[in-house]
Amino acid sequence: MATNKTAPARRRRLHPHGGRPTWEIAYLFPAQGNWTEQEYLDLENQCGSHIRVELFNGRLEVLPVPTQSHQLIIRFFMKVLEAFVEAHAPGMVLFSGVRVKIPSKRKKPQFREPDVVYMKKENSSRRHEAYWEGADLVMEVVSGDPKDRERDLVVKKREYAAAGIPEYWIIDPDTASIQVLSLAGTTYQIHGDFQHGAEATSVLLPGFRVAVDAVLAAGQGN
């Protein structure tokens, strides 16, 4: 009886690509829920290269590998936002891989890696080599997996607002839309839900506007 009860648990612990995980290596790292800020920041050095993971409530969350369309949309926004910033709003624009530290009421470290981030020049003291303390604007291109959609549409919306990030753009290829959220107090208000034929606009950066159709076309390589 005991063998039958534990069999499903054993099957769940198999590696997704077959075989058993290398537990000897896994045991060298903290258990989920126990990761500290420094352990998270040191992970890249231990693994030898950057890996796409975020830290939430002491737990590592492995991000999906970006698709081609996802990367093309990020590249599009990098270009248009950087051009606008250089002309009208001095600051720094970077793309995914930059860690953004998020304050947490749970007193456990939290870091996110937005797809695009912008920090005003006057806030440059919050930019560090290993991570940024918050940001002035963040953008996320939503992936299709339900867990990833919940992370971008629900969890990060709450976290970025709590961190005091003034503006959050959510680019959703599945619904062909861009939602722009503007901070009001400690929560976001919807500045606009922009669809086909519309131009998404910014509250933080007056004059910055992007055609939804141009974003979708960029995702198709056009």
C-alpha atoms as a PDB file:
ATOM      1  CA  MET A   1       0.000   0.000   0.000  1.00  0.00           C
ATOM      2  CA  ALA A   2       2.775   2.421   0.891  1.00  0.00           C
ATOM      3  CA  THR A   3       4.451   1.756  -2.437  1.00  0.00           C
ATOM      4  CA  ASN A   4       1.275   2.581  -4.381  1.00  0.00           C
ATOM      5  CA  LYS A   5       0.763   5.845  -2.505  1.00  0.00           C
ATOM      6  CA  THR A   6       4.277   7.090  -3.164  1.00  0.00           C
ATOM      7  CA  ALA A   7       4.453   6.074  -6.817  1.00  0.00           C
ATOM      8  CA  PRO A   8       2.647   9.199  -8.145  1.00  0.00           C
ATOM      9  CA  ALA A   9       4.989  11.410  -6.104  1.00  0.00           C
ATOM     10  CA  ARG A  10       7.976   9.667  -7.650  1.00  0.00           C
ATOM     11  CA  ARG A  11       6.566  10.189 -11.135  1.00  0.00           C
ATOM     12  CA  ARG A  12       6.052  13.887 -10.478  1.00  0.00           C
ATOM     13  CA  ARG A  13       9.724  14.214  -9.530  1.00  0.00           C
ATOM     14  CA  LEU A  14      10.954  12.937 -12.882  1.00  0.00           C
ATOM     15  CA  HIS A  15      12.737  15.478 -15.064  1.00  0.00           C
ATOM     16  CA  PRO A  16      10.400  16.976 -17.730  1.00  0.00           C
ATOM     17  CA  HIS A  17      12.790  15.749 -20.439  1.00  0.00           C
ATOM     18  CA  GLY A  18      12.997  12.271 -18.995  1.00  0.00           C
ATOM     19  CA  GLY A  19      15.107  10.664 -16.278  1.00  0.00           C
ATOM     20  CA  ARG A  20      15.618  11.956 -12.774  1.00  0.00           C
ATOM     21  CA  PRO A  21      16.923  15.443 -11.917  1.00  0.00           C
ATOM     22  CA  THR A  22      20.501  15.748 -10.673  1.00  0.00           C
ATOM     23  CA  TRP A  23      19.485  16.138  -7.042  1.00  0.00           C
ATOM     24  CA  GLU A  24      23.107  16.347  -5.871  1.00  0.00           C
ATOM     25  CA  ILE A  25      23.380  19.673  -7.710  1.00  0.00           C
ATOM     26  CA  ALA A  26      19.919  20.876  -6.713  1.00  0.00           C
ATOM     27  CA  TYR A  27      20.694  20.345  -3.037  1.00  0.00           C
ATOM     28  CA  LEU A  28      23.531  22.880  -3.303  1.00  0.00           C
ATOM     29  CA  PHE A  29      20.940  25.657  -3.688  1.00  0.00           C
ATOM     30  CA  PRO A  30      18.404  27.023  -1.165  1.00  0.00           C
ATOM     31  CA  ALA A  31      14.962  25.466  -0.916  1.00  0.00           C
ATOM     32  CA  GLN A  32      12.059  27.364  -2.468  1.00  0.00           C
ATOM     33  CA  GLY A  33      10.919  30.068  -0.081  1.00  0.00           C
ATOM     34  CA  ASN A  34      14.388  30.438   1.454  1.00  0.00           C
ATOM     35  CA  TRP A  35      16.273  32.305  -1.262  1.00  0.00           C
ATOM     36  CA  THR A  36      17.949  35.495  -0.039  1.00  0.00           C
ATOM     37  CA  GLU A  37      18.714  38.587  -2.084  1.00  0.00           C
ATOM     38  CA  GLN A  38      22.424  37.817  -2.248  1.00  0.00           C
ATOM     39  CA  GLU A  39      21.884  34.180  -3.229  1.00  0.00           C
ATOM     40  CA  TYR A  40      19.645  35.315  -6.051  1.00  0.00           C
ATOM     41  CA  LEU A  41      22.140  37.930  -7.241  1.00  0.00           C
ATOM     42  CA  ASP A  42      24.984  35.377  -7.066  1.00  0.00           C
ATOM     43  CA  LEU A  43      23.104  32.816  -9.155  1.00  0.00           C
ATOM     44  CA  GLU A  44      24.401  34.152 -12.467  1.00  0.00           C
ATOM     45  CA  ASN A  45      28.024  33.741 -11.362  1.00  0.00           C
ATOM     46  CA  GLN A  46      27.359  30.205 -10.188  1.00  0.00           C
ATOM     47  CA  CYS A  47      25.614  29.193 -13.413  1.00  0.00           C
ATOM     48  CA  GLY A  48      28.146  30.863 -15.689  1.00  0.00           C
ATOM     49  CA  SER A  49      25.625  32.921 -17.667  1.00  0.00           C
ATOM     50  CA  HIS A  50      22.431  34.917 -17.219  1.00  0.00           C
ATOM     51  CA  ILE A  51      19.336  32.805 -16.719  1.00  0.00           C
ATOM     52  CA  ARG A  52      15.813  34.224 -16.852  1.00  0.00           C
ATOM     53  CA  VAL A  53      14.581  33.865 -13.298  1.00  0.00           C
ATOM     54  CA  GLU A  54      12.731  36.234 -10.994  1.00  0.00           C
ATOM     55  CA  LEU A  55      12.612  36.170  -7.205  1.00  0.00           C
ATOM     56  CA  PHE A  56       9.179  36.283  -5.593  1.00  0.00           C
ATOM     57  CA  ASN A  57       8.593  35.754  -1.892  1.00  0.00           C
ATOM     58  CA  GLY A  58      11.884  33.907  -1.513  1.00  0.00           C
ATOM     59  CA  ARG A  59      11.073  31.598  -4.428  1.00  0.00           C
ATOM     60  CA  LEU A  60      12.677  31.409  -7.846  1.00  0.00           C
ATOM     61  CA  GLU A  61      10.317  31.707 -10.800  1.00  0.00           C
ATOM     62  CA  VAL A  62      11.776  30.509 -14.095  1.00  0.00           C
ATOM     63  CA  LEU A  63      10.589  32.669 -16.981  1.00  0.00           C
ATOM     64  CA  PRO A  64       9.643  31.211 -20.376  1.00  0.00           C
ATOM     65  CA  VAL A  65      12.116  31.374 -23.231  1.00  0.00           C
ATOM     66  CA  PRO A  66      11.043  34.369 -25.365  1.00  0.00           C
ATOM     67  CA  THR A  67       9.578  33.592 -28.765  1.00  0.00           C
ATOM     68  CA  GLN A  68      10.702  35.404 -31.904  1.00  0.00           C
ATOM     69  CA  SER A  69       7.591  37.614 -31.943  1.00  0.00           C
ATOM     70  CA  HIS A  70       8.091  38.432 -28.256  1.00  0.00           C
ATOM     71  CA  GLN A  71      11.658  39.554 -28.941  1.00  0.00           C
ATOM     72  CA  LEU A  72      10.655  41.566 -32.005  1.00  0.00           C
ATOM     73  CA  ILE A  73       8.052  43.490 -30.005  1.00  0.00           C
ATOM     74  CA  ILE A  74      10.599  44.216 -27.270  1.00  0.00           C
ATOM     75  CA  ARG A  75      13.060  45.447 -29.895  1.00  0.00           C
ATOM     76  CA  PHE A  76      10.388  47.689 -31.426  1.00  0.00           C
ATOM     77  CA  PHE A  77       9.580  49.317 -28.092  1.00  0.00           C
ATOM     78  CA  MET A  78      13.249  49.730 -27.254  1.00  0.00           C
ATOM     79  CA  LYS A  79      13.772  51.685 -30.464  1.00  0.00           C
ATOM     80  CA  VAL A  80      10.744  53.967 -30.256  1.00  0.00           C
ATOM     81  CA  LEU A  81      11.020  54.618 -26.518  1.00  0.00           C
ATOM     82  CA  GLU A  82      14.758  55.260 -26.666  1.00  0.00           C
ATOM     83  CA  ALA A  83      14.303  57.702 -29.559  1.00  0.00           C
ATOM     84  CA  PHE A  84      11.606  59.591 -27.627  1.00  0.00           C
ATOM     85  CA  VAL A  85      13.638  59.657 -24.417  1.00  0.00           C
ATOM     86  CA  GLU A  86      16.730  60.986 -26.175  1.00  0.00           C
ATOM     87  CA  ALA A  87      14.699  63.844 -27.640  1.00  0.00           C
ATOM     88  CA  HIS A  88      12.274  64.684 -24.841  1.00  0.00           C
ATOM     89  CA  ALA A  89      12.856  62.905 -21.526  1.00  0.00           C
ATOM     90  CA  PRO A  90      16.492  62.280 -20.551  1.00  0.00           C
ATOM     91  CA  GLY A  91      16.983  58.965 -18.834  1.00  0.00           C
ATOM     92  CA  MET A  92      17.917  55.347 -19.512  1.00  0.00           C
ATOM     93  CA  VAL A  93      15.979  52.669 -21.388  1.00  0.00           C
ATOM     94  CA  LEU A  94      17.023  49.013 -21.134  1.00  0.00           C
ATOM     95  CA  PHE A  95      15.526  45.661 -22.035  1.00  0.00           C
ATOM     96  CA  SER A  96      14.850  42.396 -20.289  1.00  0.00           C
ATOM     97  CA  GLY A  97      17.646  41.054 -18.119  1.00  0.00           C
ATOM     98  CA  VAL A  98      17.811  44.149 -15.914  1.00  0.00           C
ATOM     99  CA  ARG A  99      16.735  43.215 -12.406  1.00  0.00           C
ATOM    100  CA  VAL A 100      14.256  45.561 -10.751  1.00  0.00           C
ATOM    101  CA  LYS A 101      14.019  45.313  -6.975  1.00  0.00           C
ATOM    102  CA  ILE A 102      10.458  45.412  -5.673  1.00  0.00           C
ATOM    103  CA  PRO A 103       9.626  46.278  -2.041  1.00  0.00           C
ATOM    104  CA  SER A 104       7.717  43.546  -0.236  1.00  0.00           C
ATOM    105  CA  LYS A 105       5.504  43.706   2.847  1.00  0.00           C
ATOM    106  CA  ARG A 106       6.415  40.057   3.472  1.00  0.00           C
ATOM    107  CA  LYS A 107       9.983  41.149   4.250  1.00  0.00           C
ATOM    108  CA  LYS A 108      11.320  38.703   1.676  1.00  0.00           C
ATOM    109  CA  PRO A 109      13.347  39.952  -1.290  1.00  0.00           C
ATOM    110  CA  GLN A 110      11.600  40.348  -4.635  1.00  0.00           C
ATOM    111  CA  PHE A 111      13.145  41.005  -8.025  1.00  0.00           C
ATOM    112  CA  ARG A 112      11.477  41.198 -11.429  1.00  0.00           C
ATOM    113  CA  GLU A 113      12.931  41.437 -14.935  1.00  0.00           C
ATOM    114  CA  PRO A 114      10.545  43.589 -17.023  1.00  0.00           C
ATOM    115  CA  ASP A 115      10.804  43.346 -20.794  1.00  0.00           C
ATOM    116  CA  VAL A 116      11.516  47.086 -21.093  1.00  0.00           C
ATOM    117  CA  VAL A 117      12.413  49.527 -18.304  1.00  0.00           C
ATOM    118  CA  TYR A 118      12.908  53.298 -18.187  1.00  0.00           C
ATOM    119  CA  MET A 119      14.364  55.472 -15.433  1.00  0.00           C
ATOM    120  CA  LYS A 120      14.440  59.270 -15.526  1.00  0.00           C
ATOM    121  CA  LYS A 121      17.834  60.935 -15.375  1.00  0.00           C
ATOM    122  CA  GLU A 122      16.986  62.605 -12.064  1.00  0.00           C
ATOM    123  CA  ASN A 123      16.442  59.152 -10.530  1.00  0.00           C
ATOM    124  CA  SER A 124      19.760  57.728 -11.742  1.00  0.00           C
ATOM    125  CA  SER A 125      20.931  57.196  -8.142  1.00  0.00           C
ATOM    126  CA  ARG A 126      18.469  54.275  -8.020  1.00  0.00           C
ATOM    127  CA  ARG A 127      20.300  52.516 -10.844  1.00  0.00           C
ATOM    128  CA  HIS A 128      22.974  50.092  -9.645  1.00  0.00           C
ATOM    129  CA  GLU A 129      25.220  47.713 -11.531  1.00  0.00           C
ATOM    130  CA  ALA A 130      23.438  44.579 -10.307  1.00  0.00           C
ATOM    131  CA  TYR A 131      19.859  45.894 -10.194  1.00  0.00           C
ATOM    132  CA  TRP A 132      17.599  48.942 -10.249  1.00  0.00           C
ATOM    133  CA  GLU A 133      15.557  50.093  -7.290  1.00  0.00           C
ATOM    134  CA  GLY A 134      12.170  50.320  -8.964  1.00  0.00           C
ATOM    135  CA  ALA A 135      11.738  52.224 -12.242  1.00  0.00           C
ATOM    136  CA  ASP A 136       9.699  55.044 -13.737  1.00  0.00           C
ATOM    137  CA  LEU A 137       8.106  52.952 -16.485  1.00  0.00           C
ATOM    138  CA  VAL A 138       7.990  49.211 -17.114  1.00  0.00           C
ATOM    139  CA  MET A 139       6.641  47.226 -20.053  1.00  0.00           C
ATOM    140  CA  GLU A 140       5.738  43.546 -20.257  1.00  0.00           C
ATOM    141  CA  VAL A 141       4.946  41.556 -23.392  1.00  0.00           C
ATOM    142  CA  VAL A 142       2.478  38.910 -22.241  1.00  0.00           C
ATOM    143  CA  SER A 143       3.266  35.277 -23.060  1.00  0.00           C
ATOM    144  CA  GLY A 144       0.562  32.763 -23.918  1.00  0.00           C
ATOM    145  CA  ASP A 145       0.981  30.360 -20.981  1.00  0.00           C
ATOM    146  CA  PRO A 146      -1.793  30.828 -18.362  1.00  0.00           C
ATOM    147  CA  LYS A 147       0.719  31.092 -15.496  1.00  0.00           C
ATOM    148  CA  ASP A 148       2.711  33.724 -17.342  1.00  0.00           C
ATOM    149  CA  ARG A 149      -0.447  35.656 -18.194  1.00  0.00           C
ATOM    150  CA  GLU A 150      -1.494  35.684 -14.546  1.00  0.00           C
ATOM    151  CA  ARG A 151       1.982  36.876 -13.544  1.00  0.00           C
ATOM    152  CA  ASP A 152       1.923  39.831 -15.949  1.00  0.00           C
ATOM    153  CA  LEU A 153      -1.773  40.732 -15.765  1.00  0.00           C
ATOM    154  CA  VAL A 154      -2.412  40.236 -12.046  1.00  0.00           C
ATOM    155  CA  VAL A 155       0.656  39.671  -9.859  1.00  0.00           C
ATOM    156  CA  LYS A 156       3.041  42.172 -11.433  1.00  0.00           C
ATOM    157  CA  LYS A 157       0.312  44.773 -11.671  1.00  0.00           C
ATOM    158  CA  ARG A 158      -0.009  44.622  -7.905  1.00  0.00           C
ATOM    159  CA  GLU A 159       3.756  44.508  -7.306  1.00  0.00           C
ATOM    160  CA  TYR A 160       4.690  47.349  -9.628  1.00  0.00           C
ATOM    161  CA  ALA A 161       2.014  49.557  -8.080  1.00  0.00           C
ATOM    162  CA  ALA A 162       3.242  48.738  -4.561  1.00  0.00           C
ATOM    163  CA  ALA A 163       6.768  49.622  -5.696  1.00  0.00           C
ATOM    164  CA  GLY A 164       5.547  53.070  -6.751  1.00  0.00           C
ATOM    165  CA  ILE A 165       6.372  52.605 -10.461  1.00  0.00           C
ATOM    166  CA  PRO A 166       4.385  55.420 -12.118  1.00  0.00           C
ATOM    167  CA  GLU A 167       3.443  53.643 -15.353  1.00  0.00           C
ATOM    168  CA  TYR A 168       3.004  50.051 -16.537  1.00  0.00           C
ATOM    169  CA  TRP A 169       2.418  49.055 -20.161  1.00  0.00           C
ATOM    170  CA  ILE A 170       1.009  45.572 -20.843  1.00  0.00           C
ATOM    171  CA  ILE A 171       1.390  44.472 -24.460  1.00  0.00           C
ATOM    172  CA  ASP A 172      -0.830  41.466 -25.145  1.00  0.00           C
ATOM    173  CA  PRO A 173      -0.363  39.872 -28.600  1.00  0.00           C
ATOM    174  CA  ASP A 174      -3.141  37.328 -27.897  1.00  0.00           C
ATOM    175  CA  THR A 175      -5.776  40.069 -27.566  1.00  0.00           C
ATOM    176  CA  ALA A 176      -4.005  42.439 -29.975  1.00  0.00           C
ATOM    177  CA  SER A 177      -4.092  45.181 -27.370  1.00  0.00           C
ATOM    178  CA  ILE A 178      -1.987  47.484 -25.213  1.00  0.00           C
ATOM    179  CA  GLN A 179      -3.139  48.470 -21.734  1.00  0.00           C
ATOM    180  CA  VAL A 180      -1.505  51.498 -20.151  1.00  0.00           C
ATOM    181  CA  LEU A 181      -1.782  51.766 -16.372  1.00  0.00           C
ATOM    182  CA  SER A 182      -1.031  54.965 -14.458  1.00  0.00           C
ATOM    183  CA  LEU A 183      -0.309  55.049 -10.740  1.00  0.00           C
ATOM    184  CA  ALA A 184      -2.865  56.783  -8.532  1.00  0.00           C
ATOM    185  CA  GLY A 185      -1.778  56.578  -4.912  1.00  0.00           C
ATOM    186  CA  THR A 186      -0.838  52.947  -4.305  1.00  0.00           C
ATOM    187  CA  THR A 187      -2.883  51.359  -7.114  1.00  0.00           C
ATOM    188  CA  TYR A 188      -3.052  51.596 -10.876  1.00  0.00           C
ATOM    189  CA  GLN A 189      -5.839  53.187 -12.850  1.00  0.00           C
ATOM    190  CA  ILE A 190      -6.417  52.290 -16.480  1.00  0.00           C
ATOM    191  CA  HIS A 191      -5.294  55.180 -18.655  1.00  0.00           C
ATOM    192  CA  GLY A 192      -6.399  53.298 -21.748  1.00  0.00           C
ATOM    193  CA  ASP A 193      -7.133  49.931 -23.344  1.00  0.00           C
ATOM    194  CA  PHE A 194      -5.868  50.423 -26.870  1.00  0.00           C
ATOM    195  CA  GLN A 195      -6.940  48.107 -29.710  1.00  0.00           C
ATOM    196  CA  HIS A 196      -6.534  47.827 -33.511  1.00  0.00           C
ATOM    197  CA  GLY A 197      -6.436  51.215 -35.204  1.00  0.00           C
ATOM    198  CA  ALA A 198      -5.668  53.114 -31.980  1.00  0.00           C
ATOM    199  CA  GLU A 199      -2.511  54.721 -30.639  1.00  0.00           C
ATOM    200  CA  ALA A 200      -1.389  53.883 -27.113  1.00  0.00           C
ATOM    201  CA  THR A 201      -0.382  57.001 -25.198  1.00  0.00           C
ATOM    202  CA  SER A 202       1.565  57.725 -22.041  1.00  0.00           C
ATOM    203  CA  VAL A 203       0.703  59.794 -18.966  1.00  0.00           C
ATOM    204  CA  LEU A 204       4.277  59.824 -17.672  1.00  0.00           C
ATOM    205  CA  LEU A 205       5.737  60.868 -21.039  1.00  0.00           C
ATOM    206  CA  PRO A 206       3.372  63.370 -22.711  1.00  0.00           C
ATOM    207  CA  GLY A 207       3.636  63.065 -26.468  1.00  0.00           C
ATOM    208  CA  PHE A 208       4.837  59.453 -26.477  1.00  0.00           C
ATOM    209  CA  ARG A 209       2.412  57.427 -28.567  1.00  0.00           C
ATOM    210  CA  VAL A 210       2.609  54.092 -30.355  1.00  0.00           C
ATOM    211  CA  ALA A 211       0.221  52.644 -32.934  1.00  0.00           C
ATOM    212  CA  VAL A 212      -1.098  49.243 -31.837  1.00  0.00           C
ATOM    213  CA  ASP A 213      -1.028  48.002 -35.435  1.00  0.00           C
ATOM    214  CA  ALA A 214       2.655  48.961 -35.752  1.00  0.00           C
ATOM    215  CA  VAL A 215       3.439  46.900 -32.646  1.00  0.00           C
ATOM    216  CA  LEU A 216       1.593  43.867 -33.985  1.00  0.00           C
ATOM    217  CA  ALA A 217       3.289  44.228 -37.360  1.00  0.00           C
ATOM    218  CA  ALA A 218       6.678  44.390 -35.626  1.00  0.00           C
ATOM    219  CA  GLY A 219       5.863  41.116 -33.893  1.00  0.00           C
ATOM    220  CA  GLN A 220       5.344  39.522 -37.298  1.00  0.00           C
ATOM    221  CA  GLY A 221       8.675  40.803 -38.551  1.00  0.00           C
ATOM    222  CA  ASN A 222       7.090  43.475 -40.769  1.00  0.00           C
END
